[in-house]
């Protein structure tokens, strides 16, 4: 008796990995909207740094979970025991790229703020 593709279970961790990567995008949008609304154009230096740190911590934690769940899903999907290997890879790649992008963008904004 051969197993059909539908009878092989889908790794829940692969979906979680992609979900956390999407949460990074949502967190970036929300935190930027909140800081624009509350800080205005001339925030104090302490307020600005507090939001920068909060932003980075939130994104790095979400990225950690995206990568972690993706790694677990890769182990679960090895050898065809479970489906979702593509989702796991997508979660790892998106999580890594989005965290890196956020770190670089934040660094550029901080440098620009001190240069001008």
PDB file of N, CA and C in Angstrom:
ATOM      1  N   UNK A   1       0.847  -1.175   0.000  1.00  0.00           N
ATOM      2  CA  UNK A   1       0.000   0.000   0.000  1.00  0.00           C
ATOM      3  C   UNK A   1       0.898   1.246   0.000  1.00  0.00           C
ATOM      4  N   UNK A   2       0.685   2.152  -0.930  1.00  0.00           N
ATOM      5  CA  UNK A   2       1.475   3.372  -0.997  1.00  0.00           C
ATOM      6  C   UNK A   2       0.689   4.524  -0.379  1.00  0.00           C
ATOM      7  N   UNK A   3       1.446   5.420   0.231  1.00  0.00           N
ATOM      8  CA  UNK A   3       0.804   6.587   0.837  1.00  0.00           C
ATOM      9  C   UNK A   3       0.605   7.662  -0.218  1.00  0.00           C
ATOM     10  N   UNK A   4      -0.553   8.276  -0.186  1.00  0.00           N
ATOM     11  CA  UNK A   4      -0.789   9.406  -1.071  1.00  0.00           C
ATOM     12  C   UNK A   4      -0.264  10.657  -0.396  1.00  0.00           C
ATOM     13  N   UNK A   5      -0.058  11.674  -1.183  1.00  0.00           N
ATOM     14  CA  UNK A   5       0.489  12.932  -0.644  1.00  0.00           C
ATOM     15  C   UNK A   5      -0.428  13.507   0.434  1.00  0.00           C
ATOM     16  N   UNK A   6      -1.724  13.346   0.291  1.00  0.00           N
ATOM     17  CA  UNK A   6      -2.681  13.896   1.246  1.00  0.00           C
ATOM     18  C   UNK A   6      -2.631  13.163   2.588  1.00  0.00           C
ATOM     19  N   UNK A   7      -2.155  11.912   2.593  1.00  0.00           N
ATOM     20  CA  UNK A   7      -2.119  11.176   3.855  1.00  0.00           C
ATOM     21  C   UNK A   7      -0.876  11.498   4.674  1.00  0.00           C
ATOM     22  N   UNK A   8       0.112  12.158   4.058  1.00  0.00           N
ATOM     23  CA  UNK A   8       1.306  12.573   4.795  1.00  0.00           C
ATOM     24  C   UNK A   8       0.966  13.884   5.489  1.00  0.00           C
ATOM     25  N   UNK A   9       1.144  13.947   6.819  1.00  0.00           N
ATOM     26  CA  UNK A   9       0.731  15.155   7.541  1.00  0.00           C
ATOM     27  C   UNK A   9       1.620  16.361   7.215  1.00  0.00           C
ATOM     28  N   UNK A  10       1.021  17.529   7.329  1.00  0.00           N
ATOM     29  CA  UNK A  10       1.727  18.787   7.122  1.00  0.00           C
ATOM     30  C   UNK A  10       2.353  19.220   8.442  1.00  0.00           C
ATOM     31  N   UNK A  11       3.587  19.626   8.400  1.00  0.00           N
ATOM     32  CA  UNK A  11       4.273  20.116   9.590  1.00  0.00           C
ATOM     33  C   UNK A  11       3.673  21.452  10.020  1.00  0.00           C
ATOM     34  N   UNK A  12       3.162  21.504  11.226  1.00  0.00           N
ATOM     35  CA  UNK A  12       2.599  22.760  11.739  1.00  0.00           C
ATOM     36  C   UNK A  12       3.685  23.804  11.945  1.00  0.00           C
ATOM     37  N   UNK A  13       4.894  23.351  12.235  1.00  0.00           N
ATOM     38  CA  UNK A  13       5.990  24.288  12.459  1.00  0.00           C
ATOM     39  C   UNK A  13       6.379  25.036  11.194  1.00  0.00           C
ATOM     40  N   UNK A  14       6.153  24.438  10.036  1.00  0.00           N
ATOM     41  CA  UNK A  14       6.465  25.144   8.796  1.00  0.00           C
ATOM     42  C   UNK A  14       5.526  26.340   8.612  1.00  0.00           C
ATOM     43  N   UNK A  15       4.263  26.147   8.919  1.00  0.00           N
ATOM     44  CA  UNK A  15       3.309  27.256   8.851  1.00  0.00           C
ATOM     45  C   UNK A  15       3.604  28.322   9.885  1.00  0.00           C
ATOM     46  N   UNK A  16       4.010  27.888  11.065  1.00  0.00           N
ATOM     47  CA  UNK A  16       4.367  28.848  12.127  1.00  0.00           C
ATOM     48  C   UNK A  16       5.578  29.690  11.715  1.00  0.00           C
ATOM     49  N   UNK A  17       6.509  29.060  11.044  1.00  0.00           N
ATOM     50  CA  UNK A  17       7.698  29.775  10.592  1.00  0.00           C
ATOM     51  C   UNK A  17       7.335  30.914   9.642  1.00  0.00           C
ATOM     52  N   UNK A  18       6.496  30.617   8.664  1.00  0.00           N
ATOM     53  CA  UNK A  18       6.062  31.650   7.716  1.00  0.00           C
ATOM     54  C   UNK A  18       5.215  32.701   8.425  1.00  0.00           C
ATOM     55  N   UNK A  19       4.381  32.274   9.362  1.00  0.00           N
ATOM     56  CA  UNK A  19       3.542  33.223  10.100  1.00  0.00           C
ATOM     57  C   UNK A  19       4.399  34.224  10.877  1.00  0.00           C
ATOM     58  N   UNK A  20       5.433  33.746  11.534  1.00  0.00           N
ATOM     59  CA  UNK A  20       6.305  34.662  12.275  1.00  0.00           C
ATOM     60  C   UNK A  20       7.052  35.600  11.333  1.00  0.00           C
ATOM     61  N   UNK A  21       7.403  35.134  10.151  1.00  0.00           N
ATOM     62  CA  UNK A  21       8.036  36.017   9.171  1.00  0.00           C
ATOM     63  C   UNK A  21       7.060  37.117   8.748  1.00  0.00           C
ATOM     64  N   UNK A  22       5.806  36.766   8.572  1.00  0.00           N
ATOM     65  CA  UNK A  22       4.792  37.768   8.230  1.00  0.00           C
ATOM     66  C   UNK A  22       4.579  38.733   9.399  1.00  0.00           C
ATOM     67  N   UNK A  23       4.653  38.221  10.619  1.00  0.00           N
ATOM     68  CA  UNK A  23       4.531  39.090  11.803  1.00  0.00           C
ATOM     69  C   UNK A  23       5.631  40.146  11.830  1.00  0.00           C
ATOM     70  N   UNK A  24       6.807  39.828  11.285  1.00  0.00           N
ATOM     71  CA  UNK A  24       7.887  40.822  11.232  1.00  0.00           C
ATOM     72  C   UNK A  24       7.462  42.006  10.374  1.00  0.00           C
ATOM     73  N   UNK A  25       6.864  41.728   9.238  1.00  0.00           N
ATOM     74  CA  UNK A  25       6.391  42.802   8.352  1.00  0.00           C
ATOM     75  C   UNK A  25       5.328  43.628   9.066  1.00  0.00           C
ATOM     76  N   UNK A  26       4.382  42.958   9.708  1.00  0.00           N
ATOM     77  CA  UNK A  26       3.312  43.659  10.424  1.00  0.00           C
ATOM     78  C   UNK A  26       3.888  44.492  11.564  1.00  0.00           C
ATOM     79  N   UNK A  27       4.840  43.925  12.310  1.00  0.00           N
ATOM     80  CA  UNK A  27       5.458  44.666  13.416  1.00  0.00           C
ATOM     81  C   UNK A  27       6.181  45.898  12.908  1.00  0.00           C
ATOM     82  N   UNK A  28       6.898  45.768  11.793  1.00  0.00           N
ATOM     83  CA  UNK A  28       7.580  46.931  11.217  1.00  0.00           C
ATOM     84  C   UNK A  28       6.581  48.028  10.859  1.00  0.00           C
ATOM     85  N   UNK A  29       5.501  47.655  10.219  1.00  0.00           N
ATOM     86  CA  UNK A  29       4.498  48.648   9.826  1.00  0.00           C
ATOM     87  C   UNK A  29       3.848  49.299  11.036  1.00  0.00           C
ATOM     88  N   UNK A  30       3.463  48.484  12.022  1.00  0.00           N
ATOM     89  CA  UNK A  30       2.803  49.024  13.213  1.00  0.00           C
ATOM     90  C   UNK A  30       3.725  49.925  14.032  1.00  0.00           C
ATOM     91  N   UNK A  31       4.939  49.481  14.249  1.00  0.00           N
ATOM     92  CA  UNK A  31       5.860  50.284  15.072  1.00  0.00           C
ATOM     93  C   UNK A  31       6.201  51.585  14.364  1.00  0.00           C
ATOM     94  N   UNK A  32       6.394  51.530  13.059  1.00  0.00           N
ATOM     95  CA  UNK A  32       6.655  52.781  12.330  1.00  0.00           C
ATOM     96  C   UNK A  32       5.453  53.715  12.387  1.00  0.00           C
ATOM     97  N   UNK A  33       4.246  53.188  12.256  1.00  0.00           N
ATOM     98  CA  UNK A  33       3.044  54.030  12.335  1.00  0.00           C
ATOM     99  C   UNK A  33       2.881  54.628  13.725  1.00  0.00           C
ATOM    100  N   UNK A  34       3.134  53.827  14.739  1.00  0.00           N
ATOM    101  CA  UNK A  34       3.007  54.315  16.121  1.00  0.00           C
ATOM    102  C   UNK A  34       4.031  55.405  16.407  1.00  0.00           C
ATOM    103  N   UNK A  35       5.266  55.175  16.008  1.00  0.00           N
ATOM    104  CA  UNK A  35       6.288  56.190  16.281  1.00  0.00           C
ATOM    105  C   UNK A  35       6.020  57.476  15.506  1.00  0.00           C
ATOM    106  N   UNK A  36       5.534  57.367  14.289  1.00  0.00           N
ATOM    107  CA  UNK A  36       5.192  58.572  13.522  1.00  0.00           C
ATOM    108  C   UNK A  36       4.052  59.331  14.179  1.00  0.00           C
ATOM    109  N   UNK A  37       3.059  58.605  14.682  1.00  0.00           N
ATOM    110  CA  UNK A  37       1.888  59.252  15.274  1.00  0.00           C
ATOM    111  C   UNK A  37       2.201  59.891  16.624  1.00  0.00           C
ATOM    112  N   UNK A  38       2.964  59.209  17.451  1.00  0.00           N
ATOM    113  CA  UNK A  38       3.186  59.698  18.809  1.00  0.00           C
ATOM    114  C   UNK A  38       4.413  60.579  18.967  1.00  0.00           C
ATOM    115  N   UNK A  39       5.451  60.322  18.208  1.00  0.00           N
ATOM    116  CA  UNK A  39       6.673  61.091  18.376  1.00  0.00           C
ATOM    117  C   UNK A  39       6.689  62.358  17.539  1.00  0.00           C
ATOM    118  N   UNK A  40       5.962  62.358  16.448  1.00  0.00           N
ATOM    119  CA  UNK A  40       5.933  63.544  15.598  1.00  0.00           C
ATOM    120  C   UNK A  40       7.267  63.744  14.904  1.00  0.00           C
ATOM    121  N   UNK A  41       7.570  64.985  14.589  1.00  0.00           N
ATOM    122  CA  UNK A  41       8.785  65.266  13.826  1.00  0.00           C
ATOM    123  C   UNK A  41       9.994  65.556  14.708  1.00  0.00           C
ATOM    124  N   UNK A  42       9.784  65.920  15.967  1.00  0.00           N
ATOM    125  CA  UNK A  42      10.917  66.266  16.829  1.00  0.00           C
ATOM    126  C   UNK A  42      10.838  65.540  18.175  1.00  0.00           C
ATOM    127  N   UNK A  43      11.108  64.240  18.177  1.00  0.00           N
ATOM    128  CA  UNK A  43      11.099  63.515  19.450  1.00  0.00           C
ATOM    129  C   UNK A  43      12.357  63.823  20.251  1.00  0.00           C
ATOM    130  N   UNK A  44      12.273  63.629  21.548  1.00  0.00           N
ATOM    131  CA  UNK A  44      13.480  63.762  22.354  1.00  0.00           C
ATOM    132  C   UNK A  44      14.395  62.586  22.033  1.00  0.00           C
ATOM    133  N   UNK A  45      15.658  62.764  22.348  1.00  0.00           N
ATOM    134  CA  UNK A  45      16.614  61.711  22.026  1.00  0.00           C
ATOM    135  C   UNK A  45      16.301  60.416  22.781  1.00  0.00           C
ATOM    136  N   UNK A  46      15.869  60.544  24.027  1.00  0.00           N
ATOM    137  CA  UNK A  46      15.529  59.366  24.825  1.00  0.00           C
ATOM    138  C   UNK A  46      14.339  58.607  24.260  1.00  0.00           C
ATOM    139  N   UNK A  47      13.310  59.344  23.846  1.00  0.00           N
ATOM    140  CA  UNK A  47      12.138  58.694  23.245  1.00  0.00           C
ATOM    141  C   UNK A  47      12.507  57.986  21.948  1.00  0.00           C
ATOM    142  N   UNK A  48      13.296  58.639  21.135  1.00  0.00           N
ATOM    143  CA  UNK A  48      13.690  58.054  19.855  1.00  0.00           C
ATOM    144  C   UNK A  48      14.482  56.767  20.071  1.00  0.00           C
ATOM    145  N   UNK A  49      15.438  56.799  20.991  1.00  0.00           N
ATOM    146  CA  UNK A  49      16.236  55.600  21.253  1.00  0.00           C
ATOM    147  C   UNK A  49      15.400  54.482  21.860  1.00  0.00           C
ATOM    148  N   UNK A  50      14.452  54.833  22.700  1.00  0.00           N
ATOM    149  CA  UNK A  50      13.574  53.810  23.293  1.00  0.00           C
ATOM    150  C   UNK A  50      12.805  53.082  22.199  1.00  0.00           C
ATOM    151  N   UNK A  51      12.267  53.824  21.244  1.00  0.00           N
ATOM    152  CA  UNK A  51      11.508  53.196  20.156  1.00  0.00           C
ATOM    153  C   UNK A  51      12.412  52.393  19.234  1.00  0.00           C
ATOM    154  N   UNK A  52      13.632  52.861  19.018  1.00  0.00           N
ATOM    155  CA  UNK A  52      14.577  52.104  18.190  1.00  0.00           C
ATOM    156  C   UNK A  52      14.862  50.754  18.855  1.00  0.00           C
ATOM    157  N   UNK A  53      15.114  50.775  20.147  1.00  0.00           N
ATOM    158  CA  UNK A  53      15.422  49.537  20.871  1.00  0.00           C
ATOM    159  C   UNK A  53      14.212  48.604  20.897  1.00  0.00           C
ATOM    160  N   UNK A  54      13.032  49.148  21.166  1.00  0.00           N
ATOM    161  CA  UNK A  54      11.808  48.329  21.165  1.00  0.00           C
ATOM    162  C   UNK A  54      11.612  47.693  19.790  1.00  0.00           C
ATOM    163  N   UNK A  55      11.776  48.485  18.758  1.00  0.00           N
ATOM    164  CA  UNK A  55      11.603  48.009  17.391  1.00  0.00           C
ATOM    165  C   UNK A  55      12.561  46.849  17.100  1.00  0.00           C
ATOM    166  N   UNK A  56      13.818  47.038  17.417  1.00  0.00           N
ATOM    167  CA  UNK A  56      14.807  46.004  17.132  1.00  0.00           C
ATOM    168  C   UNK A  56      14.559  44.739  17.944  1.00  0.00           C
ATOM    169  N   UNK A  57      14.200  44.892  19.205  1.00  0.00           N
ATOM    170  CA  UNK A  57      13.939  43.715  20.036  1.00  0.00           C
ATOM    171  C   UNK A  57      12.758  42.916  19.499  1.00  0.00           C
ATOM    172  N   UNK A  58      11.674  43.609  19.153  1.00  0.00           N
ATOM    173  CA  UNK A  58      10.492  42.921  18.627  1.00  0.00           C
ATOM    174  C   UNK A  58      10.827  42.172  17.341  1.00  0.00           C
ATOM    175  N   UNK A  59      11.521  42.824  16.432  1.00  0.00           N
ATOM    176  CA  UNK A  59      11.845  42.199  15.145  1.00  0.00           C
ATOM    177  C   UNK A  59      12.806  41.029  15.325  1.00  0.00           C
ATOM    178  N   UNK A  60      13.810  41.185  16.174  1.00  0.00           N
ATOM    179  CA  UNK A  60      14.773  40.095  16.377  1.00  0.00           C
ATOM    180  C   UNK A  60      14.093  38.892  17.043  1.00  0.00           C
ATOM    181  N   UNK A  61      13.212  39.127  18.009  1.00  0.00           N
ATOM    182  CA  UNK A  61      12.505  38.015  18.658  1.00  0.00           C
ATOM    183  C   UNK A  61      11.604  37.295  17.656  1.00  0.00           C
ATOM    184  N   UNK A  62      10.855  38.041  16.863  1.00  0.00           N
ATOM    185  CA  UNK A  62      10.010  37.415  15.841  1.00  0.00           C
ATOM    186  C   UNK A  62      10.853  36.655  14.815  1.00  0.00           C
ATOM    187  N   UNK A  63      11.979  37.233  14.432  1.00  0.00           N
ATOM    188  CA  UNK A  63      12.871  36.560  13.497  1.00  0.00           C
ATOM    189  C   UNK A  63      13.437  35.276  14.080  1.00  0.00           C
ATOM    190  N   UNK A  64      13.782  35.305  15.366  1.00  0.00           N
ATOM    191  CA  UNK A  64      14.275  34.097  16.028  1.00  0.00           C
ATOM    192  C   UNK A  64      13.240  32.985  15.940  1.00  0.00           C
ATOM    193  N   UNK A  65      11.974  33.319  16.225  1.00  0.00           N
ATOM    194  CA  UNK A  65      10.926  32.301  16.167  1.00  0.00           C
ATOM    195  C   UNK A  65      10.687  31.801  14.742  1.00  0.00           C
ATOM    196  N   UNK A  66      10.751  32.688  13.761  1.00  0.00           N
ATOM    197  CA  UNK A  66      10.590  32.266  12.361  1.00  0.00           C
ATOM    198  C   UNK A  66      11.676  31.270  11.973  1.00  0.00           C
ATOM    199  N   UNK A  67      12.904  31.580  12.342  1.00  0.00           N
ATOM    200  CA  UNK A  67      14.024  30.710  11.996  1.00  0.00           C
ATOM    201  C   UNK A  67      13.968  29.410  12.801  1.00  0.00           C
ATOM    202  N   UNK A  68      13.639  29.518  14.068  1.00  0.00           N
ATOM    203  CA  UNK A  68      13.587  28.335  14.940  1.00  0.00           C
ATOM    204  C   UNK A  68      12.510  27.344  14.481  1.00  0.00           C
ATOM    205  N   UNK A  69      11.290  27.840  14.254  1.00  0.00           N
ATOM    206  CA  UNK A  69      10.222  26.961  13.791  1.00  0.00           C
ATOM    207  C   UNK A  69      10.556  26.377  12.414  1.00  0.00           C
ATOM    208  N   UNK A  70      11.210  27.165  11.560  1.00  0.00           N
ATOM    209  CA  UNK A  70      11.615  26.662  10.256  1.00  0.00           C
ATOM    210  C   UNK A  70      12.631  25.540  10.373  1.00  0.00           C
ATOM    211  N   UNK A  71      13.576  25.687  11.292  1.00  0.00           N
ATOM    212  CA  UNK A  71      14.589  24.643  11.494  1.00  0.00           C
ATOM    213  C   UNK A  71      13.950  23.356  12.019  1.00  0.00           C
ATOM    214  N   UNK A  72      13.017  23.497  12.946  1.00  0.00           N
ATOM    215  CA  UNK A  72      12.312  22.317  13.466  1.00  0.00           C
ATOM    216  C   UNK A  72      11.522  21.651  12.343  1.00  0.00           C
ATOM    217  N   UNK A  73      10.871  22.455  11.514  1.00  0.00           N
ATOM    218  CA  UNK A  73      10.082  21.911  10.407  1.00  0.00           C
ATOM    219  C   UNK A  73      10.972  21.213   9.384  1.00  0.00           C
ATOM    220  N   UNK A  74      12.171  21.726   9.152  1.00  0.00           N
ATOM    221  CA  UNK A  74      13.090  21.050   8.235  1.00  0.00           C
ATOM    222  C   UNK A  74      13.443  19.654   8.748  1.00  0.00           C
ATOM    223  N   UNK A  75      13.656  19.537  10.045  1.00  0.00           N
ATOM    224  CA  UNK A  75      13.934  18.216  10.614  1.00  0.00           C
ATOM    225  C   UNK A  75      12.718  17.305  10.496  1.00  0.00           C
ATOM    226  N   UNK A  76      11.529  17.868  10.719  1.00  0.00           N
ATOM    227  CA  UNK A  76      10.301  17.065  10.639  1.00  0.00           C
ATOM    228  C   UNK A  76      10.019  16.583   9.220  1.00  0.00           C
ATOM    229  N   UNK A  77      10.391  17.392   8.236  1.00  0.00           N
ATOM    230  CA  UNK A  77      10.070  17.058   6.847  1.00  0.00           C
ATOM    231  C   UNK A  77      11.171  16.270   6.159  1.00  0.00           C
ATOM    232  N   UNK A  78      12.264  16.019   6.841  1.00  0.00           N
ATOM    233  CA  UNK A  78      13.361  15.255   6.236  1.00  0.00           C
ATOM    234  C   UNK A  78      12.883  13.842   5.888  1.00  0.00           C
ATOM    235  N   UNK A  79      13.235  13.397   4.727  1.00  0.00           N
ATOM    236  CA  UNK A  79      12.882  12.040   4.312  1.00  0.00           C
ATOM    237  C   UNK A  79      11.431  11.864   3.912  1.00  0.00           C
ATOM    238  N   UNK A  80      10.683  12.942   3.807  1.00  0.00           N
ATOM    239  CA  UNK A  80       9.299  12.851   3.367  1.00  0.00           C
ATOM    240  C   UNK A  80       8.309  12.387   4.424  1.00  0.00           C
ATOM    241  N   UNK A  81       8.731  12.410   5.691  1.00  0.00           N
ATOM    242  CA  UNK A  81       7.816  11.979   6.755  1.00  0.00           C
ATOM    243  C   UNK A  81       6.636  12.928   6.907  1.00  0.00           C
ATOM    244  N   UNK A  82       6.903  14.211   6.648  1.00  0.00           N
ATOM    245  CA  UNK A  82       5.849  15.228   6.723  1.00  0.00           C
ATOM    246  C   UNK A  82       5.999  16.158   5.526  1.00  0.00           C
ATOM    247  N   UNK A  83       4.922  16.861   5.204  1.00  0.00           N
ATOM    248  CA  UNK A  83       4.951  17.865   4.142  1.00  0.00           C
ATOM    249  C   UNK A  83       5.276  19.223   4.747  1.00  0.00           C
ATOM    250  N   UNK A  84       5.621  20.184   3.899  1.00  0.00           N
ATOM    251  CA  UNK A  84       5.841  21.544   4.359  1.00  0.00           C
ATOM    252  C   UNK A  84       7.283  21.998   4.309  1.00  0.00           C
ATOM    253  N   UNK A  85       8.116  21.252   3.631  1.00  0.00           N
ATOM    254  CA  UNK A  85       9.535  21.614   3.556  1.00  0.00           C
ATOM    255  C   UNK A  85       9.723  22.980   2.876  1.00  0.00           C
ATOM    256  N   UNK A  86       8.963  23.241   1.830  1.00  0.00           N
ATOM    257  CA  UNK A  86       9.047  24.533   1.147  1.00  0.00           C
ATOM    258  C   UNK A  86       8.632  25.690   2.043  1.00  0.00           C
ATOM    259  N   UNK A  87       7.585  25.475   2.835  1.00  0.00           N
ATOM    260  CA  UNK A  87       7.168  26.510   3.784  1.00  0.00           C
ATOM    261  C   UNK A  87       8.248  26.755   4.828  1.00  0.00           C
ATOM    262  N   UNK A  88       8.885  25.690   5.285  1.00  0.00           N
ATOM    263  CA  UNK A  88       9.945  25.833   6.285  1.00  0.00           C
ATOM    264  C   UNK A  88      11.098  26.661   5.731  1.00  0.00           C
ATOM    265  N   UNK A  89      11.492  26.359   4.511  1.00  0.00           N
ATOM    266  CA  UNK A  89      12.584  27.114   3.876  1.00  0.00           C
ATOM    267  C   UNK A  89      12.166  28.564   3.669  1.00  0.00           C
ATOM    268  N   UNK A  90      10.927  28.771   3.252  1.00  0.00           N
ATOM    269  CA  UNK A  90      10.413  30.127   3.057  1.00  0.00           C
ATOM    270  C   UNK A  90      10.438  30.912   4.366  1.00  0.00           C
ATOM    271  N   UNK A  91      10.012  30.293   5.448  1.00  0.00           N
ATOM    272  CA  UNK A  91      10.017  30.953   6.750  1.00  0.00           C
ATOM    273  C   UNK A  91      11.413  31.329   7.201  1.00  0.00           C
ATOM    274  N   UNK A  92      12.365  30.425   6.996  1.00  0.00           N
ATOM    275  CA  UNK A  92      13.748  30.705   7.389  1.00  0.00           C
ATOM    276  C   UNK A  92      14.331  31.845   6.556  1.00  0.00           C
ATOM    277  N   UNK A  93      14.134  31.780   5.243  1.00  0.00           N
ATOM    278  CA  UNK A  93      14.690  32.804   4.359  1.00  0.00           C
ATOM    279  C   UNK A  93      14.030  34.158   4.622  1.00  0.00           C
ATOM    280  N   UNK A  94      12.697  34.182   4.677  1.00  0.00           N
ATOM    281  CA  UNK A  94      12.006  35.457   4.934  1.00  0.00           C
ATOM    282  C   UNK A  94      12.371  36.028   6.291  1.00  0.00           C
ATOM    283  N   UNK A  95      12.383  35.196   7.313  1.00  0.00           N
ATOM    284  CA  UNK A  95      12.737  35.665   8.647  1.00  0.00           C
ATOM    285  C   UNK A  95      14.132  36.262   8.672  1.00  0.00           C
ATOM    286  N   UNK A  96      15.085  35.583   8.058  1.00  0.00           N
ATOM    287  CA  UNK A  96      16.466  36.074   8.034  1.00  0.00           C
ATOM    288  C   UNK A  96      16.595  37.373   7.255  1.00  0.00           C
ATOM    289  N   UNK A  97      16.002  37.399   6.063  1.00  0.00           N
ATOM    290  CA  UNK A  97      16.111  38.589   5.210  1.00  0.00           C
ATOM    291  C   UNK A  97      15.415  39.790   5.848  1.00  0.00           C
ATOM    292  N   UNK A  98      14.238  39.575   6.427  1.00  0.00           N
ATOM    293  CA  UNK A  98      13.508  40.694   7.035  1.00  0.00           C
ATOM    294  C   UNK A  98      14.217  41.239   8.267  1.00  0.00           C
ATOM    295  N   UNK A  99      14.797  40.375   9.074  1.00  0.00           N
ATOM    296  CA  UNK A  99      15.560  40.853  10.235  1.00  0.00           C
ATOM    297  C   UNK A  99      16.780  41.629   9.757  1.00  0.00           C
ATOM    298  N   UNK A 100      17.488  41.089   8.782  1.00  0.00           N
ATOM    299  CA  UNK A 100      18.656  41.785   8.246  1.00  0.00           C
ATOM    300  C   UNK A 100      18.265  43.129   7.643  1.00  0.00           C
ATOM    301  N   UNK A 101      17.199  43.147   6.874  1.00  0.00           N
ATOM    302  CA  UNK A 101      16.719  44.397   6.276  1.00  0.00           C
ATOM    303  C   UNK A 101      16.363  45.418   7.353  1.00  0.00           C
ATOM    304  N   UNK A 102      15.677  44.978   8.403  1.00  0.00           N
ATOM    305  CA  UNK A 102      15.297  45.890   9.482  1.00  0.00           C
ATOM    306  C   UNK A 102      16.528  46.444  10.191  1.00  0.00           C
ATOM    307  N   UNK A 103      17.506  45.596  10.454  1.00  0.00           N
ATOM    308  CA  UNK A 103      18.730  46.058  11.112  1.00  0.00           C
ATOM    309  C   UNK A 103      19.458  47.088  10.256  1.00  0.00           C
ATOM    310  N   UNK A 104      19.586  46.816   8.973  1.00  0.00           N
ATOM    311  CA  UNK A 104      20.276  47.750   8.074  1.00  0.00           C
ATOM    312  C   UNK A 104      19.494  49.054   7.943  1.00  0.00           C
ATOM    313  N   UNK A 105      18.181  48.965   7.765  1.00  0.00           N
ATOM    314  CA  UNK A 105      17.360  50.174   7.623  1.00  0.00           C
ATOM    315  C   UNK A 105      17.413  51.020   8.893  1.00  0.00           C
ATOM    316  N   UNK A 106      17.380  50.385  10.045  1.00  0.00           N
ATOM    317  CA  UNK A 106      17.445  51.118  11.308  1.00  0.00           C
ATOM    318  C   UNK A 106      18.807  51.780  11.460  1.00  0.00           C
ATOM    319  N   UNK A 107      19.867  51.066  11.122  1.00  0.00           N
ATOM    320  CA  UNK A 107      21.207  51.635  11.199  1.00  0.00           C
ATOM    321  C   UNK A 107      21.339  52.844  10.280  1.00  0.00           C
ATOM    322  N   UNK A 108      20.805  52.749   9.073  1.00  0.00           N
ATOM    323  CA  UNK A 108      20.856  53.872   8.129  1.00  0.00           C
ATOM    324  C   UNK A 108      20.083  55.062   8.680  1.00  0.00           C
ATOM    325  N   UNK A 109      18.914  54.811   9.278  1.00  0.00           N
ATOM    326  CA  UNK A 109      18.122  55.910   9.840  1.00  0.00           C
ATOM    327  C   UNK A 109      18.843  56.570  11.007  1.00  0.00           C
ATOM    328  N   UNK A 110      19.483  55.794  11.844  1.00  0.00           N
ATOM    329  CA  UNK A 110      20.210  56.356  12.995  1.00  0.00           C
ATOM    330  C   UNK A 110      21.398  57.168  12.505  1.00  0.00           C
ATOM    331  N   UNK A 111      22.143  56.643  11.540  1.00  0.00           N
ATOM    332  CA  UNK A 111      23.280  57.390  10.993  1.00  0.00           C
ATOM    333  C   UNK A 111      22.801  58.680  10.345  1.00  0.00           C
ATOM    334  N   UNK A 112      21.719  58.625   9.588  1.00  0.00           N
ATOM    335  CA  UNK A 112      21.185  59.819   8.922  1.00  0.00           C
ATOM    336  C   UNK A 112      20.728  60.850   9.946  1.00  0.00           C
ATOM    337  N   UNK A 113      20.163  60.392  11.059  1.00  0.00           N
ATOM    338  CA  UNK A 113      19.689  61.324  12.082  1.00  0.00           C
ATOM    339  C   UNK A 113      20.854  62.084  12.719  1.00  0.00           C
ATOM    340  N   UNK A 114      21.989  61.453  12.853  1.00  0.00           N
ATOM    341  CA  UNK A 114      23.132  62.119  13.465  1.00  0.00           C
ATOM    342  C   UNK A 114      23.959  62.916  12.481  1.00  0.00           C
ATOM    343  N   UNK A 115      23.797  62.646  11.191  1.00  0.00           N
ATOM    344  CA  UNK A 115      24.561  63.375  10.191  1.00  0.00           C
ATOM    345  C   UNK A 115      23.877  64.683   9.779  1.00  0.00           C
ATOM    346  N   UNK A 116      22.553  64.712   9.888  1.00  0.00           N
ATOM    347  CA  UNK A 116      21.827  65.897   9.392  1.00  0.00           C
ATOM    348  C   UNK A 116      21.124  66.603  10.487  1.00  0.00           C
TER     349      UNK A 116
END
